[in-house]
PDB file of N, CA and C in Angstrom:
ATOM      1  N   MET A   1       0.842  -1.184   0.000  1.00  0.00           N
ATOM      2  CA  MET A   1       0.000   0.000   0.000  1.00  0.00           C
ATOM      3  C   MET A   1       0.885   1.245   0.000  1.00  0.00           C
ATOM      4  N   THR A   2       0.514   2.223  -0.795  1.00  0.00           N
ATOM      5  CA  THR A   2       1.263   3.462  -0.915  1.00  0.00           C
ATOM      6  C   THR A   2       0.896   4.425   0.205  1.00  0.00           C
ATOM      7  N   THR A   3       1.905   5.070   0.769  1.00  0.00           N
ATOM      8  CA  THR A   3       1.621   6.075   1.790  1.00  0.00           C
ATOM      9  C   THR A   3       0.957   7.280   1.135  1.00  0.00           C
ATOM     10  N   LEU A   4       0.264   8.044   1.946  1.00  0.00           N
ATOM     11  CA  LEU A   4      -0.432   9.241   1.488  1.00  0.00           C
ATOM     12  C   LEU A   4       0.260  10.459   2.065  1.00  0.00           C
ATOM     13  N   THR A   5       0.596  11.409   1.195  1.00  0.00           N
ATOM     14  CA  THR A   5       1.140  12.685   1.631  1.00  0.00           C
ATOM     15  C   THR A   5       0.032  13.717   1.548  1.00  0.00           C
ATOM     16  N   ILE A   6      -0.111  14.485   2.610  1.00  0.00           N
ATOM     17  CA  ILE A   6      -1.089  15.561   2.670  1.00  0.00           C
ATOM     18  C   ILE A   6      -0.340  16.883   2.759  1.00  0.00           C
ATOM     19  N   VAL A   7      -0.722  17.823   1.909  1.00  0.00           N
ATOM     20  CA  VAL A   7      -0.242  19.188   2.002  1.00  0.00           C
ATOM     21  C   VAL A   7      -1.478  20.041   2.246  1.00  0.00           C
ATOM     22  N   ALA A   8      -1.558  20.596   3.447  1.00  0.00           N
ATOM     23  CA  ALA A   8      -2.724  21.396   3.834  1.00  0.00           C
ATOM     24  C   ALA A   8      -2.292  22.846   3.995  1.00  0.00           C
ATOM     25  N   ASN A   9      -2.886  23.721   3.211  1.00  0.00           N
ATOM     26  CA  ASN A   9      -2.613  25.159   3.276  1.00  0.00           C
ATOM     27  C   ASN A   9      -3.754  25.854   4.003  1.00  0.00           C
ATOM     28  N   ILE A  10      -3.398  26.566   5.054  1.00  0.00           N
ATOM     29  CA  ILE A  10      -4.385  27.285   5.869  1.00  0.00           C
ATOM     30  C   ILE A  10      -3.984  28.750   5.862  1.00  0.00           C
ATOM     31  N   LYS A  11      -4.931  29.621   5.535  1.00  0.00           N
ATOM     32  CA  LYS A  11      -4.668  31.059   5.577  1.00  0.00           C
ATOM     33  C   LYS A  11      -5.634  31.690   6.565  1.00  0.00           C
ATOM     34  N   ALA A  12      -5.050  32.358   7.560  1.00  0.00           N
ATOM     35  CA  ALA A  12      -5.837  33.039   8.582  1.00  0.00           C
ATOM     36  C   ALA A  12      -6.325  34.384   8.053  1.00  0.00           C
ATOM     37  N   LYS A  13      -7.483  34.798   8.521  1.00  0.00           N
ATOM     38  CA  LYS A  13      -7.989  36.124   8.191  1.00  0.00           C
ATOM     39  C   LYS A  13      -7.159  37.179   8.921  1.00  0.00           C
ATOM     40  N   ASP A  14      -7.213  38.407   8.399  1.00  0.00           N
ATOM     41  CA  ASP A  14      -6.520  39.520   9.058  1.00  0.00           C
ATOM     42  C   ASP A  14      -6.940  39.602  10.516  1.00  0.00           C
ATOM     43  N   GLY A  15      -5.978  39.762  11.395  1.00  0.00           N
ATOM     44  CA  GLY A  15      -6.260  39.887  12.816  1.00  0.00           C
ATOM     45  C   GLY A  15      -6.476  38.575  13.539  1.00  0.00           C
ATOM     46  N   GLU A  16      -6.418  37.453  12.816  1.00  0.00           N
ATOM     47  CA  GLU A  16      -6.699  36.138  13.419  1.00  0.00           C
ATOM     48  C   GLU A  16      -5.488  35.202  13.412  1.00  0.00           C
ATOM     49  N   VAL A  17      -4.323  35.724  13.022  1.00  0.00           N
ATOM     50  CA  VAL A  17      -3.134  34.875  12.887  1.00  0.00           C
ATOM     51  C   VAL A  17      -2.785  34.192  14.203  1.00  0.00           C
ATOM     52  N   ASP A  18      -2.755  34.927  15.293  1.00  0.00           N
ATOM     53  CA  ASP A  18      -2.356  34.343  16.572  1.00  0.00           C
ATOM     54  C   ASP A  18      -3.324  33.254  17.023  1.00  0.00           C
ATOM     55  N   ARG A  19      -4.622  33.485  16.845  1.00  0.00           N
ATOM     56  CA  ARG A  19      -5.612  32.473  17.250  1.00  0.00           C
ATOM     57  C   ARG A  19      -5.462  31.212  16.412  1.00  0.00           C
ATOM     58  N   VAL A  20      -5.366  31.367  15.094  1.00  0.00           N
ATOM     59  CA  VAL A  20      -5.241  30.196  14.227  1.00  0.00           C
ATOM     60  C   VAL A  20      -3.951  29.445  14.532  1.00  0.00           C
ATOM     61  N   LYS A  21      -2.847  30.166  14.687  1.00  0.00           N
ATOM     62  CA  LYS A  21      -1.562  29.519  14.989  1.00  0.00           C
ATOM     63  C   LYS A  21      -1.641  28.739  16.298  1.00  0.00           C
ATOM     64  N   SER A  22      -2.207  29.340  17.320  1.00  0.00           N
ATOM     65  CA  SER A  22      -2.331  28.679  18.620  1.00  0.00           C
ATOM     66  C   SER A  22      -3.127  27.386  18.509  1.00  0.00           C
ATOM     67  N   GLU A  23      -4.218  27.428  17.759  1.00  0.00           N
ATOM     68  CA  GLU A  23      -5.064  26.240  17.616  1.00  0.00           C
ATOM     69  C   GLU A  23      -4.391  25.176  16.752  1.00  0.00           C
ATOM     70  N   LEU A  24      -3.664  25.577  15.725  1.00  0.00           N
ATOM     71  CA  LEU A  24      -2.933  24.609  14.902  1.00  0.00           C
ATOM     72  C   LEU A  24      -1.859  23.900  15.718  1.00  0.00           C
ATOM     73  N   LEU A  25      -1.158  24.647  16.546  1.00  0.00           N
ATOM     74  CA  LEU A  25      -0.116  24.043  17.383  1.00  0.00           C
ATOM     75  C   LEU A  25      -0.687  22.985  18.320  1.00  0.00           C
ATOM     76  N   LYS A  26      -1.915  23.178  18.772  1.00  0.00           N
ATOM     77  CA  LYS A  26      -2.562  22.208  19.672  1.00  0.00           C
ATOM     78  C   LYS A  26      -2.799  20.863  18.988  1.00  0.00           C
ATOM     79  N   LEU A  27      -2.853  20.833  17.665  1.00  0.00           N
ATOM     80  CA  LEU A  27      -3.127  19.594  16.932  1.00  0.00           C
ATOM     81  C   LEU A  27      -1.927  18.654  16.862  1.00  0.00           C
ATOM     82  N   ILE A  28      -0.733  19.192  17.018  1.00  0.00           N
ATOM     83  CA  ILE A  28       0.469  18.429  16.681  1.00  0.00           C
ATOM     84  C   ILE A  28       0.657  17.179  17.541  1.00  0.00           C
ATOM     85  N   ASP A  29       0.708  17.318  18.849  1.00  0.00           N
ATOM     86  CA  ASP A  29       0.996  16.151  19.694  1.00  0.00           C
ATOM     87  C   ASP A  29      -0.078  15.073  19.577  1.00  0.00           C
ATOM     88  N   ALA A  30      -1.336  15.479  19.579  1.00  0.00           N
ATOM     89  CA  ALA A  30      -2.427  14.496  19.484  1.00  0.00           C
ATOM     90  C   ALA A  30      -2.388  13.763  18.147  1.00  0.00           C
ATOM     91  N   THR A  31      -2.104  14.495  17.085  1.00  0.00           N
ATOM     92  CA  THR A  31      -2.082  13.871  15.761  1.00  0.00           C
ATOM     93  C   THR A  31      -0.881  12.952  15.607  1.00  0.00           C
ATOM     94  N   ARG A  32       0.263  13.377  16.080  1.00  0.00           N
ATOM     95  CA  ARG A  32       1.455  12.525  15.961  1.00  0.00           C
ATOM     96  C   ARG A  32       1.302  11.208  16.707  1.00  0.00           C
ATOM     97  N   ALA A  33       0.427  11.174  17.701  1.00  0.00           N
ATOM     98  CA  ALA A  33       0.184   9.955  18.470  1.00  0.00           C
ATOM     99  C   ALA A  33      -0.829   9.032  17.801  1.00  0.00           C
ATOM    100  N   GLU A  34      -1.471   9.494  16.741  1.00  0.00           N
ATOM    101  CA  GLU A  34      -2.506   8.699  16.078  1.00  0.00           C
ATOM    102  C   GLU A  34      -1.907   7.539  15.292  1.00  0.00           C
ATOM    103  N   GLU A  35      -2.685   6.466  15.200  1.00  0.00           N
ATOM    104  CA  GLU A  35      -2.303   5.336  14.373  1.00  0.00           C
ATOM    105  C   GLU A  35      -2.179   5.793  12.921  1.00  0.00           C
ATOM    106  N   GLY A  36      -1.077   5.417  12.291  1.00  0.00           N
ATOM    107  CA  GLY A  36      -0.895   5.704  10.880  1.00  0.00           C
ATOM    108  C   GLY A  36      -0.196   6.999  10.561  1.00  0.00           C
ATOM    109  N   CYS A  37       0.029   7.847  11.559  1.00  0.00           N
ATOM    110  CA  CYS A  37       0.716   9.118  11.314  1.00  0.00           C
ATOM    111  C   CYS A  37       2.218   8.869  11.256  1.00  0.00           C
ATOM    112  N   ILE A  38       2.813   9.163  10.105  1.00  0.00           N
ATOM    113  CA  ILE A  38       4.253   9.026   9.933  1.00  0.00           C
ATOM    114  C   ILE A  38       4.939  10.328  10.341  1.00  0.00           C
ATOM    115  N   ASN A  39       4.437  11.434   9.832  1.00  0.00           N
ATOM    116  CA  ASN A  39       4.903  12.749  10.278  1.00  0.00           C
ATOM    117  C   ASN A  39       3.789  13.774  10.086  1.00  0.00           C
ATOM    118  N   TYR A  40       3.854  14.822  10.891  1.00  0.00           N
ATOM    119  CA  TYR A  40       2.817  15.867  10.901  1.00  0.00           C
ATOM    120  C   TYR A  40       3.532  17.155  11.277  1.00  0.00           C
ATOM    121  N   ASP A  41       3.944  17.907  10.266  1.00  0.00           N
ATOM    122  CA  ASP A  41       4.834  19.044  10.479  1.00  0.00           C
ATOM    123  C   ASP A  41       4.161  20.342  10.051  1.00  0.00           C
ATOM    124  N   LEU A  42       4.124  21.302  10.967  1.00  0.00           N
ATOM    125  CA  LEU A  42       3.510  22.590  10.724  1.00  0.00           C
ATOM    126  C   LEU A  42       4.573  23.617  10.354  1.00  0.00           C
ATOM    127  N   HIS A  43       4.266  24.413   9.329  1.00  0.00           N
ATOM    128  CA  HIS A  43       5.158  25.474   8.863  1.00  0.00           C
ATOM    129  C   HIS A  43       4.376  26.778   8.795  1.00  0.00           C
ATOM    130  N   GLN A  44       5.108  27.895   8.943  1.00  0.00           N
ATOM    131  CA  GLN A  44       4.526  29.227   8.797  1.00  0.00           C
ATOM    132  C   GLN A  44       5.359  29.988   7.773  1.00  0.00           C
ATOM    133  N   ASP A  45       4.693  30.622   6.836  1.00  0.00           N
ATOM    134  CA  ASP A  45       5.365  31.348   5.756  1.00  0.00           C
ATOM    135  C   ASP A  45       6.179  32.522   6.318  1.00  0.00           C
ATOM    136  N   ASN A  46       7.420  32.643   5.880  1.00  0.00           N
ATOM    137  CA  ASN A  46       8.302  33.713   6.354  1.00  0.00           C
ATOM    138  C   ASN A  46       7.878  35.090   5.862  1.00  0.00           C
ATOM    139  N   GLU A  47       7.245  35.148   4.710  1.00  0.00           N
ATOM    140  CA  GLU A  47       6.831  36.422   4.126  1.00  0.00           C
ATOM    141  C   GLU A  47       5.391  36.787   4.488  1.00  0.00           C
ATOM    142  N   ASN A  48       4.568  35.783   4.721  1.00  0.00           N
ATOM    143  CA  ASN A  48       3.154  36.000   5.033  1.00  0.00           C
ATOM    144  C   ASN A  48       2.778  35.172   6.255  1.00  0.00           C
ATOM    145  N   PRO A  49       2.876  35.733   7.459  1.00  0.00           N
ATOM    146  CA  PRO A  49       2.636  34.955   8.678  1.00  0.00           C
ATOM    147  C   PRO A  49       1.210  34.425   8.809  1.00  0.00           C
ATOM    148  N   ALA A  50       0.298  34.864   7.966  1.00  0.00           N
ATOM    149  CA  ALA A  50      -1.071  34.348   7.999  1.00  0.00           C
ATOM    150  C   ALA A  50      -1.197  33.019   7.255  1.00  0.00           C
ATOM    151  N   HIS A  51      -0.136  32.600   6.567  1.00  0.00           N
ATOM    152  CA  HIS A  51      -0.160  31.371   5.771  1.00  0.00           C
ATOM    153  C   HIS A  51       0.568  30.251   6.513  1.00  0.00           C
ATOM    154  N   PHE A  52      -0.172  29.191   6.789  1.00  0.00           N
ATOM    155  CA  PHE A  52       0.365  28.004   7.465  1.00  0.00           C
ATOM    156  C   PHE A  52       0.275  26.810   6.527  1.00  0.00           C
ATOM    157  N   LEU A  53       1.178  25.866   6.701  1.00  0.00           N
ATOM    158  CA  LEU A  53       1.173  24.666   5.882  1.00  0.00           C
ATOM    159  C   LEU A  53       1.489  23.464   6.762  1.00  0.00           C
ATOM    160  N   PHE A  54       0.626  22.453   6.672  1.00  0.00           N
ATOM    161  CA  PHE A  54       0.932  21.163   7.281  1.00  0.00           C
ATOM    162  C   PHE A  54       1.447  20.250   6.181  1.00  0.00           C
ATOM    163  N   PHE A  55       2.599  19.621   6.439  1.00  0.00           N
ATOM    164  CA  PHE A  55       3.130  18.582   5.562  1.00  0.00           C
ATOM    165  C   PHE A  55       3.021  17.288   6.359  1.00  0.00           C
ATOM    166  N   GLU A  56       2.225  16.368   5.838  1.00  0.00           N
ATOM    167  CA  GLU A  56       1.896  15.157   6.585  1.00  0.00           C
ATOM    168  C   GLU A  56       2.127  13.927   5.721  1.00  0.00           C
ATOM    169  N   ASN A  57       2.500  12.835   6.364  1.00  0.00           N
ATOM    170  CA  ASN A  57       2.543  11.533   5.699  1.00  0.00           C
ATOM    171  C   ASN A  57       1.796  10.540   6.564  1.00  0.00           C
ATOM    172  N   TRP A  58       0.965   9.745   5.895  1.00  0.00           N
ATOM    173  CA  TRP A  58       0.097   8.763   6.556  1.00  0.00           C
ATOM    174  C   TRP A  58       0.296   7.398   5.931  1.00  0.00           C
ATOM    175  N   VAL A  59       0.146   6.367   6.733  1.00  0.00           N
ATOM    176  CA  VAL A  59       0.279   4.998   6.271  1.00  0.00           C
ATOM    177  C   VAL A  59      -0.765   4.692   5.192  1.00  0.00           C
ATOM    178  N   SER A  60      -1.969   5.253   5.337  1.00  0.00           N
ATOM    179  CA  SER A  60      -3.026   5.010   4.357  1.00  0.00           C
ATOM    180  C   SER A  60      -4.021   6.166   4.351  1.00  0.00           C
ATOM    181  N   ARG A  61      -4.773   6.258   3.272  1.00  0.00           N
ATOM    182  CA  ARG A  61      -5.811   7.285   3.167  1.00  0.00           C
ATOM    183  C   ARG A  61      -6.891   7.046   4.230  1.00  0.00           C
ATOM    184  N   GLU A  62      -7.185   5.799   4.505  1.00  0.00           N
ATOM    185  CA  GLU A  62      -8.212   5.470   5.501  1.00  0.00           C
ATOM    186  C   GLU A  62      -7.836   5.998   6.883  1.00  0.00           C
ATOM    187  N   LEU A  63      -6.561   5.859   7.262  1.00  0.00           N
ATOM    188  CA  LEU A  63      -6.136   6.354   8.570  1.00  0.00           C
ATOM    189  C   LEU A  63      -6.104   7.879   8.605  1.00  0.00           C
ATOM    190  N   TRP A  64      -5.776   8.511   7.476  1.00  0.00           N
ATOM    191  CA  TRP A  64      -5.862   9.979   7.424  1.00  0.00           C
ATOM    192  C   TRP A  64      -7.319  10.429   7.555  1.00  0.00           C
ATOM    193  N   GLN A  65      -8.227   9.728   6.889  1.00  0.00           N
ATOM    194  CA  GLN A  65      -9.639  10.083   7.002  1.00  0.00           C
ATOM    195  C   GLN A  65     -10.136   9.900   8.433  1.00  0.00           C
ATOM    196  N   ALA A  66      -9.642   8.883   9.118  1.00  0.00           N
ATOM    197  CA  ALA A  66      -9.994   8.698  10.531  1.00  0.00           C
ATOM    198  C   ALA A  66      -9.493   9.896  11.344  1.00  0.00           C
ATOM    199  N   HIS A  67      -8.295  10.370  11.034  1.00  0.00           N
ATOM    200  CA  HIS A  67      -7.739  11.555  11.687  1.00  0.00           C
ATOM    201  C   HIS A  67      -8.671  12.752  11.517  1.00  0.00           C
ATOM    202  N   MET A  68      -9.213  12.908  10.329  1.00  0.00           N
ATOM    203  CA  MET A  68     -10.070  14.062  10.052  1.00  0.00           C
ATOM    204  C   MET A  68     -11.367  14.026  10.871  1.00  0.00           C
ATOM    205  N   GLY A  69     -11.705  12.866  11.421  1.00  0.00           N
ATOM    206  CA  GLY A  69     -12.905  12.737  12.235  1.00  0.00           C
ATOM    207  C   GLY A  69     -12.644  12.725  13.733  1.00  0.00           C
ATOM    208  N   THR A  70     -11.421  13.043  14.150  1.00  0.00           N
ATOM    209  CA  THR A  70     -11.080  12.975  15.575  1.00  0.00           C
ATOM    210  C   THR A  70     -11.615  14.181  16.343  1.00  0.00           C
ATOM    211  N   PRO A  71     -11.766  14.031  17.655  1.00  0.00           N
ATOM    212  CA  PRO A  71     -12.206  15.165  18.481  1.00  0.00           C
ATOM    213  C   PRO A  71     -11.280  16.368  18.411  1.00  0.00           C
ATOM    214  N   HIS A  72      -9.961  16.157  18.297  1.00  0.00           N
ATOM    215  CA  HIS A  72      -9.073  17.322  18.260  1.00  0.00           C
ATOM    216  C   HIS A  72      -9.230  18.114  16.960  1.00  0.00           C
ATOM    217  N   ILE A  73      -9.578  17.467  15.875  1.00  0.00           N
ATOM    218  CA  ILE A  73      -9.872  18.212  14.640  1.00  0.00           C
ATOM    219  C   ILE A  73     -11.187  18.976  14.808  1.00  0.00           C
ATOM    220  N   ALA A  74     -12.186  18.343  15.396  1.00  0.00           N
ATOM    221  CA  ALA A  74     -13.467  19.030  15.645  1.00  0.00           C
ATOM    222  C   ALA A  74     -13.271  20.231  16.560  1.00  0.00           C
ATOM    223  N   ASP A  75     -12.443  20.077  17.580  1.00  0.00           N
ATOM    224  CA  ASP A  75     -12.160  21.190  18.499  1.00  0.00           C
ATOM    225  C   ASP A  75     -11.470  22.341  17.762  1.00  0.00           C
ATOM    226  N   TYR A  76     -10.514  22.006  16.885  1.00  0.00           N
ATOM    227  CA  TYR A  76      -9.828  23.033  16.108  1.00  0.00           C
ATOM    228  C   TYR A  76     -10.829  23.792  15.231  1.00  0.00           C
ATOM    229  N   LEU A  77     -11.686  23.050  14.537  1.00  0.00           N
ATOM    230  CA  LEU A  77     -12.654  23.687  13.644  1.00  0.00           C
ATOM    231  C   LEU A  77     -13.590  24.616  14.414  1.00  0.00           C
ATOM    232  N   ALA A  78     -14.025  24.191  15.584  1.00  0.00           N
ATOM    233  CA  ALA A  78     -14.903  25.028  16.403  1.00  0.00           C
ATOM    234  C   ALA A  78     -14.169  26.271  16.901  1.00  0.00           C
ATOM    235  N   ALA A  79     -12.925  26.096  17.324  1.00  0.00           N
ATOM    236  CA  ALA A  79     -12.159  27.207  17.903  1.00  0.00           C
ATOM    237  C   ALA A  79     -11.747  28.248  16.863  1.00  0.00           C
ATOM    238  N   THR A  80     -11.661  27.840  15.604  1.00  0.00           N
ATOM    239  CA  THR A  80     -11.212  28.769  14.555  1.00  0.00           C
ATOM    240  C   THR A  80     -12.339  29.179  13.617  1.00  0.00           C
ATOM    241  N   GLU A  81     -13.558  28.840  13.958  1.00  0.00           N
ATOM    242  CA  GLU A  81     -14.687  29.207  13.099  1.00  0.00           C
ATOM    243  C   GLU A  81     -14.688  30.720  12.863  1.00  0.00           C
ATOM    244  N   GLY A  82     -14.746  31.107  11.590  1.00  0.00           N
ATOM    245  CA  GLY A  82     -14.748  32.513  11.233  1.00  0.00           C
ATOM    246  C   GLY A  82     -13.375  33.156  11.181  1.00  0.00           C
ATOM    247  N   ALA A  83     -12.317  32.416  11.534  1.00  0.00           N
ATOM    248  CA  ALA A  83     -10.965  32.984  11.584  1.00  0.00           C
ATOM    249  C   ALA A  83     -10.095  32.571  10.403  1.00  0.00           C
ATOM    250  N   VAL A  84     -10.561  31.612   9.613  1.00  0.00           N
ATOM    251  CA  VAL A  84      -9.765  31.070   8.515  1.00  0.00           C
ATOM    252  C   VAL A  84     -10.308  31.581   7.182  1.00  0.00           C
ATOM    253  N   GLU A  85      -9.413  32.190   6.419  1.00  0.00           N
ATOM    254  CA  GLU A  85      -9.789  32.712   5.101  1.00  0.00           C
ATOM    255  C   GLU A  85      -9.908  31.593   4.072  1.00  0.00           C
ATOM    256  N   SER A  86      -8.929  30.668   4.095  1.00  0.00           N
ATOM    257  CA  SER A  86      -8.978  29.546   3.162  1.00  0.00           C
ATOM    258  C   SER A  86      -8.288  28.333   3.770  1.00  0.00           C
ATOM    259  N   PHE A  87      -8.746  27.158   3.324  1.00  0.00           N
ATOM    260  CA  PHE A  87      -8.203  25.883   3.776  1.00  0.00           C
ATOM    261  C   PHE A  87      -8.230  24.953   2.574  1.00  0.00           C
ATOM    262  N   VAL A  88      -7.044  24.625   2.046  1.00  0.00           N
ATOM    263  CA  VAL A  88      -6.939  23.786   0.853  1.00  0.00           C
ATOM    264  C   VAL A  88      -6.082  22.574   1.195  1.00  0.00           C
ATOM    265  N   VAL A  89      -6.633  21.392   0.936  1.00  0.00           N
ATOM    266  CA  VAL A  89      -5.923  20.146   1.205  1.00  0.00           C
ATOM    267  C   VAL A  89      -5.643  19.452  -0.125  1.00  0.00           C
ATOM    268  N   ASN A  90      -4.381  19.064  -0.321  1.00  0.00           N
ATOM    269  CA  ASN A  90      -3.996  18.286  -1.480  1.00  0.00           C
ATOM    270  C   ASN A  90      -3.538  16.917  -1.006  1.00  0.00           C
ATOM    271  N   GLU A  91      -4.126  15.875  -1.596  1.00  0.00           N
ATOM    272  CA  GLU A  91      -3.708  14.503  -1.347  1.00  0.00           C
ATOM    273  C   GLU A  91      -2.689  14.156  -2.424  1.00  0.00           C
ATOM    274  N   MET A  92      -1.487  13.776  -1.994  1.00  0.00           N
ATOM    275  CA  MET A  92      -0.382  13.588  -2.927  1.00  0.00           C
ATOM    276  C   MET A  92       0.220  12.194  -2.766  1.00  0.00           C
ATOM    277  N   THR A  93       0.933  11.748  -3.815  1.00  0.00           N
ATOM    278  CA  THR A  93       1.672  10.494  -3.798  1.00  0.00           C
ATOM    279  C   THR A  93       3.122  10.786  -4.159  1.00  0.00           C
ATOM    280  N   HIS A  94       4.032  10.309  -3.341  1.00  0.00           N
ATOM    281  CA  HIS A  94       5.468  10.475  -3.603  1.00  0.00           C
ATOM    282  C   HIS A  94       5.828   9.662  -4.832  1.00  0.00           C
ATOM    283  N   ILE A  95       6.471  10.293  -5.810  1.00  0.00           N
ATOM    284  CA  ILE A  95       6.789   9.589  -7.055  1.00  0.00           C
ATOM    285  C   ILE A  95       8.282   9.546  -7.370  1.00  0.00           C
ATOM    286  N   GLY A  96       9.091  10.115  -6.504  1.00  0.00           N
ATOM    287  CA  GLY A  96      10.514  10.058  -6.835  1.00  0.00           C
ATOM    288  C   GLY A  96      11.399  10.591  -5.761  1.00  0.00           C
TER     289      GLY A  96
END
């Protein structure tokens, strides 16, 4: 089975960078402890601090989908409601 790479781009609305960043940081330890999580790394753009990127690798798409249904993801979504300008997830496959 091929591992799944996730690239998630999150852009905070003006004035909401600190709240979004704080809530994203809360996801890291819980997610890294999940079954199937190979890595879960958060980045912040050096030129645009409102832009965050998660680079993730999962054992399978099914385990990543299970992650998306966890309480800590639900808590993040509730805590950042109205604070996120855009959220784009790309499901990728390593090819080289």
